[in-house]
Amino acid sequence: MAMTGRFTGHHAFMLKLHLQVIDQLTAAIEELSSQIEVVIEPFRGQLRLLITIPGVSEQIAVVIIAETGADMSKFPTAGHLASWAGICPGHHQSAQVNQKARTRPGNSYLKGALGQAAMSSMQVHDTFLQDRHHRLKPRIGGLKTIVALEHSILRSIWHMLVSNQPYRELGAGYHQRRHPQNVLRRITRQAQELGYAAHFEPLPKTA
């Protein structure tokens, strides 16, 4: 169906200006992209490492390298990096009671990139990060869970760049395998709430 309406010379003039702006921005983006490829070339090895993390795309990895310099010698530990980035939640102490506080201000560009990585990692199945999301969200809510994932990703980045090793996937169920007693206590408590008693015996080891 043909559209009807008024399209005057003024509209044509404004449309021409808008199209010119779009062309200028497109050309600028292409020029910047070419320059990024040149600047990132010395960090190609670190880039290949970072994109092994679930949720970290090449664009996100470029931002991480740009904001940290990929130089972990400035940060004695992964915790120092997280604190500098503003991904490590602070604590206040009052009357000998520790109270959780908001994350400290940090590098907004790095935090934005890590936020994108965290949200993307939730969609990658059978991974430690997705499993961490499923475990934490019911307890602490969506926003705090994203910060926790950002923190996990950033700590992994520190270890990977220090050791020059790719991401080591721990897999879904890592915490359950590492702390089985916590899982059994939770199941026991849930059974008791339903009016049942639960008892567990380890399976005999097969030869």
N, C-alpha and C. Protein backbone atom coordinates (compact mmCIF):
# COMPACT_ATOMS: atom_id res chain seq x y z
N MET A 1 0.85 -1.18 0.00
CA MET A 1 0.00 0.00 0.00
C MET A 1 0.89 1.24 0.00
N ALA A 2 0.63 2.13 -0.91
CA ALA A 2 1.43 3.34 -1.00
C ALA A 2 1.11 4.27 0.17
N MET A 3 2.14 4.97 0.65
CA MET A 3 1.95 5.92 1.73
C MET A 3 1.63 7.29 1.16
N THR A 4 0.73 7.96 1.80
CA THR A 4 0.36 9.31 1.37
C THR A 4 0.75 10.30 2.45
N GLY A 5 1.05 11.51 2.05
CA GLY A 5 1.43 12.52 3.02
C GLY A 5 2.12 13.68 2.32
N ARG A 6 2.67 14.58 3.12
CA ARG A 6 3.34 15.75 2.59
C ARG A 6 4.85 15.57 2.71
N PHE A 7 5.55 15.77 1.62
CA PHE A 7 7.01 15.72 1.61
C PHE A 7 7.49 16.93 0.82
N THR A 8 7.83 17.97 1.55
CA THR A 8 8.17 19.23 0.92
C THR A 8 9.67 19.34 0.69
N GLY A 9 10.06 20.44 0.11
CA GLY A 9 11.48 20.69 -0.09
C GLY A 9 12.24 20.76 1.22
N HIS A 10 11.58 21.26 2.26
CA HIS A 10 12.21 21.32 3.58
C HIS A 10 12.51 19.92 4.11
N HIS A 11 11.54 19.01 3.93
CA HIS A 11 11.76 17.63 4.37
C HIS A 11 12.92 17.00 3.61
N ALA A 12 12.98 17.25 2.32
CA ALA A 12 14.07 16.70 1.51
C ALA A 12 15.42 17.23 1.98
N PHE A 13 15.46 18.51 2.32
CA PHE A 13 16.71 19.12 2.80
C PHE A 13 17.15 18.49 4.12
N MET A 14 16.21 18.33 5.06
CA MET A 14 16.56 17.74 6.35
C MET A 14 16.98 16.28 6.19
N LEU A 15 16.29 15.55 5.31
CA LEU A 15 16.66 14.15 5.08
C LEU A 15 18.07 14.05 4.52
N LYS A 16 18.41 14.96 3.62
CA LYS A 16 19.75 14.98 3.05
C LYS A 16 20.80 15.20 4.13
N LEU A 17 20.52 16.13 5.05
CA LEU A 17 21.46 16.39 6.14
C LEU A 17 21.64 15.16 7.03
N HIS A 18 20.53 14.50 7.36
CA HIS A 18 20.60 13.31 8.21
C HIS A 18 21.42 12.21 7.54
N LEU A 19 21.21 12.01 6.25
CA LEU A 19 21.95 10.98 5.52
C LEU A 19 23.44 11.32 5.47
N GLN A 20 23.76 12.60 5.35
CA GLN A 20 25.16 13.00 5.35
C GLN A 20 25.82 12.71 6.70
N VAL A 21 25.07 12.98 7.78
CA VAL A 21 25.59 12.69 9.12
C VAL A 21 25.83 11.19 9.29
N ILE A 22 24.88 10.38 8.81
CA ILE A 22 25.04 8.92 8.90
C ILE A 22 26.28 8.47 8.14
N ASP A 23 26.47 9.02 6.94
CA ASP A 23 27.65 8.66 6.14
C ASP A 23 28.94 9.07 6.85
N GLN A 24 28.94 10.25 7.47
CA GLN A 24 30.13 10.72 8.19
C GLN A 24 30.44 9.82 9.38
N LEU A 25 29.40 9.47 10.13
CA LEU A 25 29.61 8.60 11.29
C LEU A 25 30.07 7.21 10.87
N THR A 26 29.50 6.70 9.79
CA THR A 26 29.91 5.39 9.29
C THR A 26 31.38 5.40 8.89
N ALA A 27 31.80 6.46 8.21
CA ALA A 27 33.21 6.58 7.81
C ALA A 27 34.11 6.69 9.03
N ALA A 28 33.67 7.43 10.06
CA ALA A 28 34.47 7.58 11.27
C ALA A 28 34.60 6.25 12.00
N ILE A 29 33.50 5.49 12.05
CA ILE A 29 33.54 4.18 12.71
C ILE A 29 34.51 3.25 11.99
N GLU A 30 34.47 3.26 10.67
CA GLU A 30 35.37 2.40 9.90
C GLU A 30 36.83 2.80 10.13
N GLU A 31 37.09 4.11 10.21
CA GLU A 31 38.45 4.58 10.44
C GLU A 31 38.93 4.19 11.84
N LEU A 32 38.05 4.35 12.82
CA LEU A 32 38.41 3.98 14.19
C LEU A 32 38.64 2.47 14.30
N SER A 33 37.80 1.69 13.64
CA SER A 33 37.95 0.23 13.68
C SER A 33 39.29 -0.19 13.10
N SER A 34 39.69 0.47 12.01
CA SER A 34 40.99 0.16 11.40
C SER A 34 42.13 0.51 12.34
N GLN A 35 41.99 1.65 13.03
CA GLN A 35 43.04 2.06 13.97
C GLN A 35 43.11 1.12 15.17
N ILE A 36 41.95 0.65 15.63
CA ILE A 36 41.93 -0.29 16.75
C ILE A 36 42.68 -1.57 16.37
N GLU A 37 42.48 -2.04 15.14
CA GLU A 37 43.17 -3.24 14.68
C GLU A 37 44.68 -3.05 14.72
N VAL A 38 45.13 -1.85 14.38
CA VAL A 38 46.57 -1.57 14.39
C VAL A 38 47.09 -1.55 15.83
N VAL A 39 46.37 -0.85 16.70
CA VAL A 39 46.83 -0.67 18.08
C VAL A 39 46.78 -1.99 18.85
N ILE A 40 45.79 -2.83 18.56
CA ILE A 40 45.61 -4.07 19.34
C ILE A 40 46.57 -5.17 18.89
N GLU A 41 47.21 -5.01 17.76
CA GLU A 41 48.05 -6.08 17.21
C GLU A 41 49.11 -6.59 18.19
N PRO A 42 49.82 -5.71 18.94
CA PRO A 42 50.81 -6.24 19.90
C PRO A 42 50.18 -7.06 21.03
N PHE A 43 48.87 -6.93 21.20
CA PHE A 43 48.17 -7.64 22.28
C PHE A 43 47.33 -8.80 21.75
N ARG A 44 47.66 -9.25 20.55
CA ARG A 44 46.85 -10.30 19.93
C ARG A 44 46.85 -11.58 20.76
N GLY A 45 47.98 -11.89 21.40
CA GLY A 45 48.04 -13.09 22.23
C GLY A 45 47.11 -13.00 23.42
N GLN A 46 47.12 -11.85 24.11
CA GLN A 46 46.22 -11.66 25.24
C GLN A 46 44.76 -11.68 24.80
N LEU A 47 44.51 -11.14 23.62
CA LEU A 47 43.14 -11.13 23.09
C LEU A 47 42.63 -12.56 22.89
N ARG A 48 43.50 -13.41 22.34
CA ARG A 48 43.09 -14.80 22.11
C ARG A 48 42.81 -15.51 23.44
N LEU A 49 43.55 -15.16 24.48
CA LEU A 49 43.29 -15.76 25.78
C LEU A 49 41.94 -15.32 26.33
N LEU A 50 41.67 -14.03 26.27
CA LEU A 50 40.47 -13.48 26.91
C LEU A 50 39.19 -14.00 26.27
N ILE A 51 39.20 -14.23 24.97
CA ILE A 51 37.96 -14.66 24.33
C ILE A 51 37.65 -16.13 24.61
N THR A 52 38.52 -16.81 25.37
CA THR A 52 38.18 -18.17 25.80
C THR A 52 37.24 -18.16 27.00
N ILE A 53 37.04 -16.99 27.62
CA ILE A 53 36.11 -16.87 28.74
C ILE A 53 34.69 -16.83 28.20
N PRO A 54 33.78 -17.65 28.72
CA PRO A 54 32.38 -17.58 28.27
C PRO A 54 31.82 -16.17 28.45
N GLY A 55 31.23 -15.64 27.40
CA GLY A 55 30.63 -14.32 27.47
C GLY A 55 31.53 -13.19 27.02
N VAL A 56 32.82 -13.45 26.86
CA VAL A 56 33.76 -12.39 26.45
C VAL A 56 33.97 -12.47 24.94
N SER A 57 33.41 -11.49 24.24
CA SER A 57 33.58 -11.41 22.80
C SER A 57 34.89 -10.68 22.48
N GLU A 58 35.23 -10.62 21.21
CA GLU A 58 36.46 -9.91 20.83
C GLU A 58 36.34 -8.43 21.15
N GLN A 59 35.17 -7.84 20.94
CA GLN A 59 34.99 -6.42 21.26
C GLN A 59 35.16 -6.16 22.75
N ILE A 60 34.60 -7.03 23.58
CA ILE A 60 34.74 -6.88 25.03
C ILE A 60 36.20 -7.05 25.43
N ALA A 61 36.88 -8.02 24.82
CA ALA A 61 38.29 -8.25 25.14
C ALA A 61 39.13 -7.03 24.79
N VAL A 62 38.81 -6.37 23.69
CA VAL A 62 39.55 -5.16 23.29
C VAL A 62 39.39 -4.08 24.36
N VAL A 63 38.18 -3.91 24.88
CA VAL A 63 37.96 -2.91 25.92
C VAL A 63 38.75 -3.26 27.19
N ILE A 64 38.74 -4.53 27.56
CA ILE A 64 39.48 -4.97 28.75
C ILE A 64 40.97 -4.67 28.60
N ILE A 65 41.51 -4.96 27.43
CA ILE A 65 42.93 -4.70 27.19
C ILE A 65 43.20 -3.19 27.19
N ALA A 66 42.31 -2.43 26.57
CA ALA A 66 42.50 -0.98 26.49
C ALA A 66 42.48 -0.34 27.87
N GLU A 67 41.62 -0.82 28.74
CA GLU A 67 41.46 -0.18 30.05
C GLU A 67 42.47 -0.68 31.09
N THR A 68 42.96 -1.90 30.93
CA THR A 68 43.94 -2.42 31.90
C THR A 68 45.36 -2.40 31.36
N GLY A 69 45.49 -2.24 30.05
CA GLY A 69 46.82 -2.33 29.45
C GLY A 69 47.33 -3.75 29.38
N ALA A 70 46.50 -4.71 29.82
CA ALA A 70 46.88 -6.13 29.85
C ALA A 70 48.13 -6.36 30.69
N ASP A 71 48.46 -5.40 31.54
CA ASP A 71 49.66 -5.49 32.38
C ASP A 71 49.23 -5.73 33.82
N MET A 72 49.33 -6.98 34.25
CA MET A 72 48.90 -7.33 35.60
C MET A 72 49.98 -7.11 36.65
N SER A 73 51.16 -6.66 36.22
CA SER A 73 52.22 -6.40 37.20
C SER A 73 51.85 -5.23 38.11
N LYS A 74 50.90 -4.42 37.69
CA LYS A 74 50.45 -3.29 38.51
C LYS A 74 49.58 -3.75 39.68
N PHE A 75 49.09 -4.99 39.60
CA PHE A 75 48.15 -5.48 40.59
C PHE A 75 48.73 -6.73 41.25
N PRO A 76 49.13 -6.65 42.52
CA PRO A 76 49.77 -7.80 43.18
C PRO A 76 48.88 -9.04 43.21
N THR A 77 47.58 -8.85 43.31
CA THR A 77 46.65 -9.98 43.36
C THR A 77 45.43 -9.67 42.51
N ALA A 78 44.64 -10.71 42.28
CA ALA A 78 43.38 -10.52 41.56
C ALA A 78 42.45 -9.60 42.34
N GLY A 79 42.53 -9.66 43.66
CA GLY A 79 41.71 -8.79 44.49
C GLY A 79 42.04 -7.32 44.29
N HIS A 80 43.33 -7.01 44.11
CA HIS A 80 43.73 -5.63 43.86
C HIS A 80 43.14 -5.13 42.54
N LEU A 81 43.15 -5.98 41.52
CA LEU A 81 42.57 -5.61 40.23
C LEU A 81 41.07 -5.36 40.37
N ALA A 82 40.38 -6.25 41.08
CA ALA A 82 38.93 -6.10 41.26
C ALA A 82 38.61 -4.82 42.03
N SER A 83 39.41 -4.52 43.04
CA SER A 83 39.19 -3.30 43.82
C SER A 83 39.41 -2.06 42.97
N TRP A 84 40.48 -2.06 42.18
CA TRP A 84 40.76 -0.92 41.30
C TRP A 84 39.64 -0.71 40.28
N ALA A 85 39.10 -1.81 39.79
CA ALA A 85 38.05 -1.73 38.77
C ALA A 85 36.70 -1.35 39.36
N GLY A 86 36.57 -1.41 40.69
CA GLY A 86 35.29 -1.11 41.31
C GLY A 86 34.32 -2.27 41.26
N ILE A 87 34.87 -3.48 41.11
CA ILE A 87 34.02 -4.68 41.03
C ILE A 87 34.00 -5.41 42.36
N CYS A 88 34.86 -5.02 43.28
CA CYS A 88 34.94 -5.70 44.57
C CYS A 88 34.06 -4.95 45.56
N PRO A 89 32.98 -5.55 46.07
CA PRO A 89 32.10 -4.85 47.02
C PRO A 89 32.88 -4.41 48.24
N GLY A 90 32.63 -3.18 48.69
CA GLY A 90 33.29 -2.67 49.88
C GLY A 90 32.57 -3.13 51.13
N HIS A 91 33.16 -2.85 52.27
CA HIS A 91 32.54 -3.20 53.55
C HIS A 91 32.68 -2.02 54.51
N HIS A 92 31.66 -1.81 55.30
CA HIS A 92 31.72 -0.86 56.39
C HIS A 92 31.67 -1.64 57.69
N GLN A 93 32.35 -1.15 58.69
CA GLN A 93 32.32 -1.83 59.97
C GLN A 93 31.74 -0.88 61.01
N SER A 94 30.73 -1.35 61.72
CA SER A 94 30.09 -0.55 62.75
C SER A 94 29.82 -1.44 63.94
N ALA A 95 30.37 -1.05 65.10
CA ALA A 95 30.19 -1.83 66.33
C ALA A 95 30.59 -3.28 66.13
N GLN A 96 31.75 -3.46 65.48
CA GLN A 96 32.31 -4.79 65.24
C GLN A 96 31.46 -5.65 64.33
N VAL A 97 30.54 -5.02 63.61
CA VAL A 97 29.68 -5.77 62.68
C VAL A 97 30.01 -5.32 61.27
N ASN A 98 30.38 -6.26 60.42
CA ASN A 98 30.66 -5.94 59.03
C ASN A 98 29.37 -5.81 58.25
N GLN A 99 29.25 -4.72 57.52
CA GLN A 99 28.07 -4.49 56.72
C GLN A 99 28.48 -4.34 55.27
N LYS A 100 27.84 -5.08 54.39
CA LYS A 100 28.16 -4.99 52.98
C LYS A 100 27.75 -3.62 52.44
N ALA A 101 28.59 -3.08 51.58
CA ALA A 101 28.31 -1.78 50.98
C ALA A 101 28.29 -1.92 49.47
N ARG A 102 27.95 -0.83 48.81
CA ARG A 102 27.95 -0.85 47.36
C ARG A 102 29.38 -0.98 46.83
N THR A 103 29.47 -1.40 45.56
CA THR A 103 30.78 -1.47 44.95
C THR A 103 31.37 -0.07 44.85
N ARG A 104 32.69 0.01 44.93
CA ARG A 104 33.36 1.30 44.87
C ARG A 104 33.31 1.84 43.44
N PRO A 105 33.42 3.17 43.31
CA PRO A 105 33.53 3.73 41.96
C PRO A 105 34.78 3.18 41.28
N GLY A 106 34.69 2.93 40.01
CA GLY A 106 35.83 2.38 39.29
C GLY A 106 35.82 2.84 37.85
N ASN A 107 36.49 2.09 37.01
CA ASN A 107 36.57 2.40 35.59
C ASN A 107 35.24 2.05 34.93
N SER A 108 34.51 3.06 34.50
CA SER A 108 33.16 2.83 33.97
C SER A 108 33.19 2.03 32.67
N TYR A 109 34.22 2.24 31.85
CA TYR A 109 34.30 1.51 30.58
C TYR A 109 34.57 0.02 30.84
N LEU A 110 35.47 -0.24 31.78
CA LEU A 110 35.78 -1.63 32.11
C LEU A 110 34.57 -2.30 32.76
N LYS A 111 33.91 -1.59 33.67
CA LYS A 111 32.73 -2.16 34.32
C LYS A 111 31.63 -2.44 33.31
N GLY A 112 31.48 -1.55 32.34
CA GLY A 112 30.47 -1.78 31.31
C GLY A 112 30.76 -3.02 30.49
N ALA A 113 32.03 -3.19 30.12
CA ALA A 113 32.42 -4.37 29.34
C ALA A 113 32.22 -5.65 30.14
N LEU A 114 32.59 -5.61 31.43
CA LEU A 114 32.42 -6.79 32.27
C LEU A 114 30.94 -7.10 32.49
N GLY A 115 30.11 -6.05 32.56
CA GLY A 115 28.67 -6.27 32.70
C GLY A 115 28.10 -6.98 31.48
N GLN A 116 28.55 -6.57 30.29
CA GLN A 116 28.10 -7.25 29.08
C GLN A 116 28.56 -8.70 29.07
N ALA A 117 29.81 -8.92 29.48
CA ALA A 117 30.33 -10.29 29.52
C ALA A 117 29.55 -11.14 30.51
N ALA A 118 29.23 -10.56 31.67
CA ALA A 118 28.49 -11.31 32.69
C ALA A 118 27.12 -11.72 32.18
N MET A 119 26.42 -10.79 31.54
CA MET A 119 25.08 -11.11 31.04
C MET A 119 25.14 -12.13 29.90
N SER A 120 26.18 -12.04 29.07
CA SER A 120 26.32 -13.02 27.99
C SER A 120 26.67 -14.40 28.54
N SER A 121 27.46 -14.43 29.61
CA SER A 121 27.88 -15.71 30.17
C SER A 121 26.71 -16.51 30.72
N MET A 122 25.64 -15.82 31.11
CA MET A 122 24.47 -16.52 31.62
C MET A 122 23.84 -17.43 30.57
N GLN A 123 24.09 -17.12 29.30
CA GLN A 123 23.45 -17.87 28.21
C GLN A 123 24.30 -19.04 27.73
N VAL A 124 25.51 -19.17 28.26
CA VAL A 124 26.40 -20.25 27.82
C VAL A 124 26.16 -21.45 28.74
N HIS A 125 25.63 -22.52 28.20
CA HIS A 125 25.16 -23.65 29.00
C HIS A 125 26.32 -24.50 29.53
N ASP A 126 26.03 -25.14 30.67
CA ASP A 126 26.95 -26.11 31.28
C ASP A 126 28.30 -25.48 31.61
N THR A 127 28.27 -24.27 32.12
CA THR A 127 29.50 -23.59 32.50
C THR A 127 29.45 -23.19 33.97
N PHE A 128 30.62 -22.92 34.52
CA PHE A 128 30.72 -22.47 35.91
C PHE A 128 29.96 -21.16 36.10
N LEU A 129 30.09 -20.24 35.15
CA LEU A 129 29.47 -18.92 35.31
C LEU A 129 27.94 -19.01 35.25
N GLN A 130 27.41 -19.80 34.34
CA GLN A 130 25.95 -19.94 34.29
C GLN A 130 25.44 -20.62 35.56
N ASP A 131 26.17 -21.62 36.03
CA ASP A 131 25.78 -22.31 37.25
C ASP A 131 25.84 -21.35 38.44
N ARG A 132 26.84 -20.50 38.47
CA ARG A 132 26.96 -19.50 39.55
C ARG A 132 25.78 -18.54 39.52
N HIS A 133 25.37 -18.16 38.34
CA HIS A 133 24.20 -17.29 38.19
C HIS A 133 22.95 -17.97 38.76
N HIS A 134 22.75 -19.24 38.41
CA HIS A 134 21.57 -19.96 38.89
C HIS A 134 21.59 -20.12 40.41
N ARG A 135 22.77 -20.28 41.00
CA ARG A 135 22.86 -20.48 42.44
C ARG A 135 22.64 -19.18 43.21
N LEU A 136 23.19 -18.08 42.69
CA LEU A 136 23.18 -16.84 43.46
C LEU A 136 21.91 -16.01 43.29
N LYS A 137 21.32 -16.04 42.11
CA LYS A 137 20.20 -15.14 41.85
C LYS A 137 19.04 -15.30 42.83
N PRO A 138 18.62 -16.53 43.18
CA PRO A 138 17.51 -16.64 44.15
C PRO A 138 17.86 -16.08 45.52
N ARG A 139 19.14 -16.04 45.87
CA ARG A 139 19.55 -15.61 47.21
C ARG A 139 19.83 -14.11 47.29
N ILE A 140 20.44 -13.54 46.25
CA ILE A 140 20.89 -12.15 46.37
C ILE A 140 20.29 -11.23 45.30
N GLY A 141 19.53 -11.79 44.38
CA GLY A 141 18.89 -10.95 43.37
C GLY A 141 19.74 -10.81 42.11
N GLY A 142 19.10 -10.29 41.07
CA GLY A 142 19.74 -10.24 39.76
C GLY A 142 20.93 -9.30 39.67
N LEU A 143 20.80 -8.07 40.20
CA LEU A 143 21.86 -7.09 40.05
C LEU A 143 23.12 -7.50 40.80
N LYS A 144 22.96 -7.98 42.04
CA LYS A 144 24.12 -8.41 42.81
C LYS A 144 24.77 -9.64 42.18
N THR A 145 23.95 -10.48 41.56
CA THR A 145 24.50 -11.65 40.89
C THR A 145 25.37 -11.24 39.71
N ILE A 146 24.94 -10.22 38.97
CA ILE A 146 25.75 -9.73 37.85
C ILE A 146 27.10 -9.22 38.35
N VAL A 147 27.09 -8.49 39.46
CA VAL A 147 28.36 -8.01 40.03
C VAL A 147 29.24 -9.19 40.44
N ALA A 148 28.63 -10.22 41.00
CA ALA A 148 29.40 -11.41 41.39
C ALA A 148 30.03 -12.08 40.17
N LEU A 149 29.29 -12.14 39.07
CA LEU A 149 29.83 -12.73 37.84
C LEU A 149 30.95 -11.85 37.28
N GLU A 150 30.76 -10.54 37.32
CA GLU A 150 31.82 -9.63 36.88
C GLU A 150 33.09 -9.88 37.68
N HIS A 151 32.92 -10.04 38.98
CA HIS A 151 34.06 -10.27 39.86
C HIS A 151 34.76 -11.58 39.51
N SER A 152 33.99 -12.63 39.26
CA SER A 152 34.57 -13.92 38.88
C SER A 152 35.34 -13.81 37.56
N ILE A 153 34.74 -13.12 36.59
CA ILE A 153 35.39 -12.96 35.29
C ILE A 153 36.68 -12.18 35.43
N LEU A 154 36.65 -11.10 36.21
CA LEU A 154 37.85 -10.27 36.35
C LEU A 154 38.96 -11.01 37.08
N ARG A 155 38.62 -11.80 38.07
CA ARG A 155 39.64 -12.60 38.76
C ARG A 155 40.25 -13.62 37.79
N SER A 156 39.41 -14.20 36.94
CA SER A 156 39.93 -15.14 35.94
C SER A 156 40.88 -14.42 34.98
N ILE A 157 40.52 -13.20 34.59
CA ILE A 157 41.36 -12.43 33.69
C ILE A 157 42.74 -12.22 34.29
N TRP A 158 42.78 -11.86 35.57
CA TRP A 158 44.07 -11.64 36.23
C TRP A 158 44.92 -12.90 36.18
N HIS A 159 44.35 -14.02 36.57
CA HIS A 159 45.11 -15.28 36.59
C HIS A 159 45.55 -15.68 35.18
N MET A 160 44.70 -15.48 34.20
CA MET A 160 45.03 -15.86 32.83
C MET A 160 46.17 -15.03 32.27
N LEU A 161 46.13 -13.72 32.51
CA LEU A 161 47.16 -12.85 31.97
C LEU A 161 48.49 -13.01 32.72
N VAL A 162 48.41 -13.34 34.00
CA VAL A 162 49.64 -13.59 34.77
C VAL A 162 50.31 -14.89 34.32
N SER A 163 49.50 -15.92 34.13
CA SER A 163 50.04 -17.24 33.78
C SER A 163 50.15 -17.47 32.27
N ASN A 164 49.55 -16.55 31.49
CA ASN A 164 49.53 -16.70 30.03
C ASN A 164 48.87 -18.01 29.62
N GLN A 165 47.78 -18.32 30.31
CA GLN A 165 47.04 -19.56 30.04
C GLN A 165 45.59 -19.22 29.71
N PRO A 166 44.94 -20.02 28.85
CA PRO A 166 43.53 -19.77 28.54
C PRO A 166 42.63 -20.08 29.73
N TYR A 167 41.39 -19.71 29.59
CA TYR A 167 40.40 -19.92 30.65
C TYR A 167 40.21 -21.41 30.91
N ARG A 168 40.18 -21.77 32.18
CA ARG A 168 39.96 -23.16 32.57
C ARG A 168 38.53 -23.31 33.04
N GLU A 169 37.74 -24.01 32.25
CA GLU A 169 36.32 -24.18 32.56
C GLU A 169 36.15 -25.20 33.68
N LEU A 170 35.56 -24.76 34.80
CA LEU A 170 35.33 -25.64 35.94
C LEU A 170 34.06 -26.47 35.77
N GLY A 171 33.16 -25.98 34.92
CA GLY A 171 31.95 -26.74 34.63
C GLY A 171 30.83 -26.48 35.62
N ALA A 172 29.63 -26.79 35.17
CA ALA A 172 28.47 -26.67 36.05
C ALA A 172 28.59 -27.69 37.19
N GLY A 173 28.10 -27.32 38.36
CA GLY A 173 28.17 -28.23 39.50
C GLY A 173 29.50 -28.22 40.22
N TYR A 174 30.36 -27.27 39.90
CA TYR A 174 31.69 -27.23 40.53
C TYR A 174 31.57 -27.07 42.04
N HIS A 175 30.72 -26.15 42.49
CA HIS A 175 30.58 -25.91 43.92
C HIS A 175 29.98 -27.12 44.63
N GLN A 176 29.04 -27.79 43.97
CA GLN A 176 28.46 -28.99 44.58
C GLN A 176 29.51 -30.07 44.75
N ARG A 177 30.36 -30.23 43.74
CA ARG A 177 31.40 -31.25 43.83
C ARG A 177 32.45 -30.88 44.88
N ARG A 178 32.72 -29.59 45.01
CA ARG A 178 33.74 -29.16 45.96
C ARG A 178 33.22 -29.16 47.39
N HIS A 179 31.93 -28.86 47.56
CA HIS A 179 31.35 -28.79 48.91
C HIS A 179 30.08 -29.65 48.96
N PRO A 180 30.22 -30.97 48.85
CA PRO A 180 29.02 -31.82 48.82
C PRO A 180 28.20 -31.75 50.11
N GLN A 181 28.86 -31.50 51.24
CA GLN A 181 28.12 -31.45 52.51
C GLN A 181 27.11 -30.31 52.52
N ASN A 182 27.44 -29.20 51.87
CA ASN A 182 26.49 -28.09 51.79
C ASN A 182 25.24 -28.50 51.03
N VAL A 183 25.43 -29.28 49.97
CA VAL A 183 24.30 -29.75 49.18
C VAL A 183 23.44 -30.69 50.01
N LEU A 184 24.08 -31.59 50.74
CA LEU A 184 23.33 -32.56 51.55
C LEU A 184 22.56 -31.86 52.67
N ARG A 185 23.17 -30.84 53.26
CA ARG A 185 22.46 -30.10 54.32
C ARG A 185 21.23 -29.40 53.76
N ARG A 186 21.36 -28.84 52.56
CA ARG A 186 20.22 -28.15 51.97
C ARG A 186 19.09 -29.14 51.65
N ILE A 187 19.46 -30.30 51.10
CA ILE A 187 18.44 -31.30 50.78
C ILE A 187 17.78 -31.80 52.07
N THR A 188 18.58 -32.00 53.11
CA THR A 188 18.03 -32.46 54.39
C THR A 188 17.05 -31.45 54.96
N ARG A 189 17.42 -30.18 54.89
CA ARG A 189 16.54 -29.13 55.41
C ARG A 189 15.23 -29.06 54.61
N GLN A 190 15.34 -29.18 53.31
CA GLN A 190 14.13 -29.14 52.48
C GLN A 190 13.23 -30.34 52.77
N ALA A 191 13.85 -31.51 52.98
CA ALA A 191 13.05 -32.70 53.30
C ALA A 191 12.34 -32.53 54.64
N GLN A 192 13.04 -31.96 55.62
CA GLN A 192 12.42 -31.74 56.94
C GLN A 192 11.26 -30.77 56.85
N GLU A 193 11.39 -29.76 56.00
CA GLU A 193 10.30 -28.80 55.84
C GLU A 193 9.06 -29.47 55.25
N LEU A 194 9.27 -30.56 54.52
CA LEU A 194 8.15 -31.31 53.94
C LEU A 194 7.68 -32.44 54.84
N GLY A 195 8.32 -32.57 56.02
CA GLY A 195 7.91 -33.60 56.96
C GLY A 195 8.59 -34.94 56.77
N TYR A 196 9.76 -34.94 56.14
CA TYR A 196 10.48 -36.18 55.91
C TYR A 196 11.86 -36.10 56.57
N ALA A 197 12.41 -37.27 56.83
CA ALA A 197 13.78 -37.37 57.33
C ALA A 197 14.65 -37.94 56.21
N ALA A 198 15.77 -37.32 56.00
CA ALA A 198 16.67 -37.77 54.93
C ALA A 198 17.95 -38.31 55.55
N HIS A 199 18.42 -39.40 54.99
CA HIS A 199 19.67 -40.01 55.46
C HIS A 199 20.48 -40.41 54.23
N PHE A 200 21.77 -40.14 54.28
CA PHE A 200 22.61 -40.38 53.11
C PHE A 200 23.75 -41.33 53.47
N GLU A 201 24.02 -42.23 52.56
CA GLU A 201 25.15 -43.13 52.68
C GLU A 201 25.95 -43.06 51.39
N PRO A 202 27.27 -43.00 51.49
CA PRO A 202 28.07 -42.96 50.26
C PRO A 202 27.96 -44.27 49.50
N LEU A 203 27.93 -44.18 48.19
CA LEU A 203 27.88 -45.37 47.36
C LEU A 203 29.22 -46.10 47.44
N PRO A 204 29.19 -47.42 47.39
CA PRO A 204 30.46 -48.16 47.40
C PRO A 204 31.26 -47.85 46.14
N LYS A 205 32.55 -47.72 46.33
CA LYS A 205 33.41 -47.42 45.19
C LYS A 205 33.53 -48.64 44.30
N THR A 206 33.40 -48.40 43.02
CA THR A 206 33.53 -49.49 42.05
C THR A 206 34.99 -49.68 41.70
N ALA A 207 35.35 -50.90 41.42
CA ALA A 207 36.74 -51.21 41.11
C ALA A 207 37.11 -50.64 39.75
